[in-house]
């Protein structure tokens, strides 16, 4: 459930308003010192101590067909090829995190956005008019799950690290039950039954 600020609820429920809700897009790219900060508006905005550059931004509908992970197309104007040159230089921005935030123009002093969504760029394409980033959830299959593997005769700790706790004069360990038992530092699971 989305929790809006009191000011956001008041602005949302007004019948007429001269200040819009602003869509802020922050793309963090490895190799670029500062994140790319864009705002869908006709003027630059200063929010949360950062300058957000006005830029034509558009979104397509979210696709959910039950076969693929849900994704949405984030389209950024390719006028003068500015964004395209960055995309070509920095590997298509693939796997870069994207943060989309909604703030209200009348309450830019509020440092907490009304809505904040985190995505990953999964695909990039461009033409003369738009650079299109396909953004979606990160691929959970690229991470080990569960994080720990439990093995009977193998110690998962790195030799002489904090979890291992060994501070003697030996310089290496093969992480087996027999060598760790001598040092009284075995971190494996001796109780696991073999099949």
Protein backbone atom coordinates (compact mmCIF):
# COMPACT_ATOMS: atom_id res chain seq x y z
CA UNK A 1 0.00 0.00 0.00
CA UNK A 2 1.34 3.42 -0.94
CA UNK A 3 1.61 5.90 1.92
CA UNK A 4 1.42 9.49 0.75
CA UNK A 5 2.42 12.55 2.74
CA UNK A 6 -0.35 14.85 3.96
CA UNK A 7 0.81 17.55 1.51
CA UNK A 8 0.78 15.03 -1.34
CA UNK A 9 -2.76 13.92 -0.52
CA UNK A 10 -3.97 17.54 -0.40
CA UNK A 11 -2.37 18.33 -3.77
CA UNK A 12 -3.72 15.13 -5.32
CA UNK A 13 -7.28 15.83 -4.19
CA UNK A 14 -7.45 19.44 -5.42
CA UNK A 15 -9.89 20.05 -8.27
CA UNK A 16 -7.43 22.40 -9.99
CA UNK A 17 -3.74 22.93 -9.48
CA UNK A 18 -1.14 25.08 -11.19
CA UNK A 19 1.76 22.94 -9.93
CA UNK A 20 2.23 19.42 -11.34
CA UNK A 21 3.52 16.18 -9.94
CA UNK A 22 7.03 15.71 -11.35
CA UNK A 23 8.56 12.44 -12.53
CA UNK A 24 12.24 12.24 -11.60
CA UNK A 25 14.50 9.62 -13.17
CA UNK A 26 17.92 8.84 -11.70
CA UNK A 27 20.22 6.49 -13.64
CA UNK A 28 23.44 5.40 -11.93
CA UNK A 29 26.09 4.38 -14.47
CA UNK A 30 29.46 2.81 -13.64
CA UNK A 31 32.17 5.12 -14.96
CA UNK A 32 30.18 8.34 -14.55
CA UNK A 33 30.88 10.19 -11.29
CA UNK A 34 27.38 11.61 -10.77
CA UNK A 35 24.11 9.83 -11.55
CA UNK A 36 22.16 11.08 -14.56
CA UNK A 37 19.22 13.04 -13.13
CA UNK A 38 16.30 13.92 -15.41
CA UNK A 39 12.90 15.48 -14.73
CA UNK A 40 9.83 15.34 -16.96
CA UNK A 41 9.08 19.05 -16.99
CA UNK A 42 9.67 22.17 -19.08
CA UNK A 43 12.20 23.63 -16.63
CA UNK A 44 15.11 22.38 -14.55
CA UNK A 45 14.25 21.56 -10.93
CA UNK A 46 16.33 21.66 -7.76
CA UNK A 47 15.24 18.87 -5.40
CA UNK A 48 17.01 17.21 -2.50
CA UNK A 49 20.18 19.23 -3.13
CA UNK A 50 20.53 18.05 -6.74
CA UNK A 51 19.79 19.71 -10.06
CA UNK A 52 17.42 17.67 -12.21
CA UNK A 53 17.70 18.43 -15.94
CA UNK A 54 14.49 18.96 -17.90
CA UNK A 55 14.18 16.31 -20.56
CA UNK A 56 11.39 14.74 -22.62
CA UNK A 57 10.62 11.41 -20.94
CA UNK A 58 7.81 8.96 -21.68
CA UNK A 59 6.68 5.56 -20.43
CA UNK A 60 4.92 2.74 -22.23
CA UNK A 61 2.44 0.44 -20.55
CA UNK A 62 3.73 -2.23 -18.20
CA UNK A 63 3.75 -5.61 -19.93
CA UNK A 64 2.69 -8.64 -17.91
CA UNK A 65 1.95 -11.79 -19.87
CA UNK A 66 2.84 -14.38 -17.23
CA UNK A 67 5.67 -15.75 -19.37
CA UNK A 68 8.32 -13.07 -18.88
CA UNK A 69 9.23 -10.78 -16.01
CA UNK A 70 7.15 -7.57 -15.98
CA UNK A 71 8.91 -4.72 -17.75
CA UNK A 72 8.21 -1.19 -18.89
CA UNK A 73 9.79 0.94 -21.60
CA UNK A 74 11.33 4.17 -20.33
CA UNK A 75 11.78 6.45 -23.35
CA UNK A 76 14.20 9.38 -23.21
CA UNK A 77 14.44 11.89 -26.04
CA UNK A 78 17.36 11.37 -28.40
CA UNK A 79 17.47 14.98 -29.61
CA UNK A 80 21.00 15.81 -30.80
CA UNK A 81 22.07 12.24 -29.91
CA UNK A 82 23.18 13.31 -26.43
CA UNK A 83 21.84 10.30 -24.52
CA UNK A 84 22.74 7.95 -27.38
CA UNK A 85 26.41 8.98 -27.16
CA UNK A 86 26.46 8.09 -23.44
CA UNK A 87 24.68 4.80 -24.13
CA UNK A 88 27.25 3.85 -26.76
CA UNK A 89 30.15 4.85 -24.54
CA UNK A 90 28.94 3.02 -21.40
CA UNK A 91 27.85 -0.41 -22.66
CA UNK A 92 24.21 0.43 -23.26
CA UNK A 93 23.62 1.17 -19.56
CA UNK A 94 22.67 -2.50 -19.19
CA UNK A 95 22.29 -3.67 -15.57
CA UNK A 96 22.41 -0.06 -14.36
CA UNK A 97 20.03 0.81 -11.52
CA UNK A 98 17.22 3.25 -12.28
CA UNK A 99 15.25 5.08 -9.62
CA UNK A 100 11.91 6.67 -10.55
CA UNK A 101 10.48 9.15 -8.07
CA UNK A 102 7.34 11.27 -7.96
CA UNK A 103 7.43 14.64 -6.19
CA UNK A 104 5.12 17.64 -6.25
CA UNK A 105 6.40 20.92 -7.69
CA UNK A 106 4.85 22.94 -4.84
CA UNK A 107 6.67 20.88 -2.20
CA UNK A 108 10.23 20.53 -3.46
CA UNK A 109 11.44 21.21 0.09
CA UNK A 110 10.11 17.75 1.07
CA UNK A 111 13.11 15.43 0.63
CA UNK A 112 11.00 12.27 0.68
CA UNK A 113 9.34 11.45 -2.66
CA UNK A 114 5.65 10.51 -2.77
CA UNK A 115 6.54 7.38 -4.74
CA UNK A 116 9.95 5.77 -5.23
CA UNK A 117 10.49 2.73 -7.47
CA UNK A 118 13.76 0.90 -8.17
CA UNK A 119 14.46 -0.89 -11.45
CA UNK A 120 17.33 -2.34 -13.47
CA UNK A 121 17.94 -1.59 -17.16
CA UNK A 122 17.62 -4.95 -18.92
CA UNK A 123 17.77 -3.80 -22.54
CA UNK A 124 18.56 -0.62 -24.49
CA UNK A 125 17.55 0.39 -28.01
CA UNK A 126 17.51 3.69 -29.83
CA UNK A 127 16.45 5.44 -33.01
CA UNK A 128 16.53 9.07 -34.19
CA UNK A 129 13.71 10.10 -31.85
CA UNK A 130 13.99 8.06 -28.63
CA UNK A 131 16.44 6.06 -26.55
CA UNK A 132 14.33 3.28 -25.05
CA UNK A 133 15.41 1.57 -21.84
CA UNK A 134 13.55 -1.61 -20.97
CA UNK A 135 13.45 -1.51 -17.19
CA UNK A 136 12.31 -4.23 -14.86
CA UNK A 137 13.15 -6.17 -11.76
CA UNK A 138 16.65 -7.48 -11.27
CA UNK A 139 17.30 -11.06 -12.30
CA UNK A 140 17.16 -13.03 -9.08
CA UNK A 141 18.69 -16.07 -10.78
CA UNK A 142 22.06 -14.32 -10.88
CA UNK A 143 22.37 -14.50 -7.08
CA UNK A 144 23.05 -17.54 -4.97
CA UNK A 145 19.95 -18.58 -3.05
CA UNK A 146 20.04 -19.61 -0.34
CA UNK A 147 23.16 -17.61 0.38
CA UNK A 148 24.85 -20.31 2.46
CA UNK A 149 25.48 -23.89 1.35
CA UNK A 150 25.72 -26.44 4.11
CA UNK A 151 28.25 -29.25 3.64
CA UNK A 152 29.29 -31.87 6.12
CA UNK A 153 33.08 -31.94 5.81
CA UNK A 154 33.79 -28.45 4.44
CA UNK A 155 34.33 -25.23 6.40
CA UNK A 156 32.81 -22.22 4.55
CA UNK A 157 34.91 -19.59 6.36
CA UNK A 158 37.87 -17.83 4.77
CA UNK A 159 41.11 -18.67 6.52
CA UNK A 160 42.02 -16.15 9.26
CA UNK A 161 38.96 -13.94 8.73
CA UNK A 162 36.70 -12.87 11.60
CA UNK A 163 34.35 -15.85 11.28
CA UNK A 164 37.23 -18.32 11.16
CA UNK A 165 38.84 -16.79 14.22
CA UNK A 166 42.22 -18.50 13.71
CA UNK A 167 45.13 -16.22 14.65
CA UNK A 168 48.02 -18.70 14.68
CA UNK A 169 51.20 -18.88 12.60
CA UNK A 170 49.98 -21.21 9.83
CA UNK A 171 49.58 -19.55 6.43
CA UNK A 172 47.00 -21.72 4.64
CA UNK A 173 44.09 -24.06 5.24
CA UNK A 174 42.29 -26.50 2.93
CA UNK A 175 38.94 -25.90 4.72
CA UNK A 176 38.36 -29.57 5.53
CA UNK A 177 37.08 -31.08 8.75
CA UNK A 178 40.39 -32.80 9.50
CA UNK A 179 42.57 -29.66 9.31
CA UNK A 180 40.07 -27.36 10.99
CA UNK A 181 39.52 -29.84 13.82
CA UNK A 182 43.24 -29.64 14.67
CA UNK A 183 42.90 -25.85 15.05
CA UNK A 184 39.51 -26.24 16.79
CA UNK A 185 37.91 -23.80 14.31
CA UNK A 186 35.62 -25.92 12.09
CA UNK A 187 32.63 -23.93 10.80
CA UNK A 188 30.94 -26.66 8.78
CA UNK A 189 27.90 -28.76 9.64
CA UNK A 190 29.08 -32.07 11.09
CA UNK A 191 25.53 -33.18 11.87
CA UNK A 192 24.44 -33.44 8.22
CA UNK A 193 23.77 -37.06 7.31
CA UNK A 194 25.24 -38.53 4.13
CA UNK A 195 22.83 -40.13 1.69
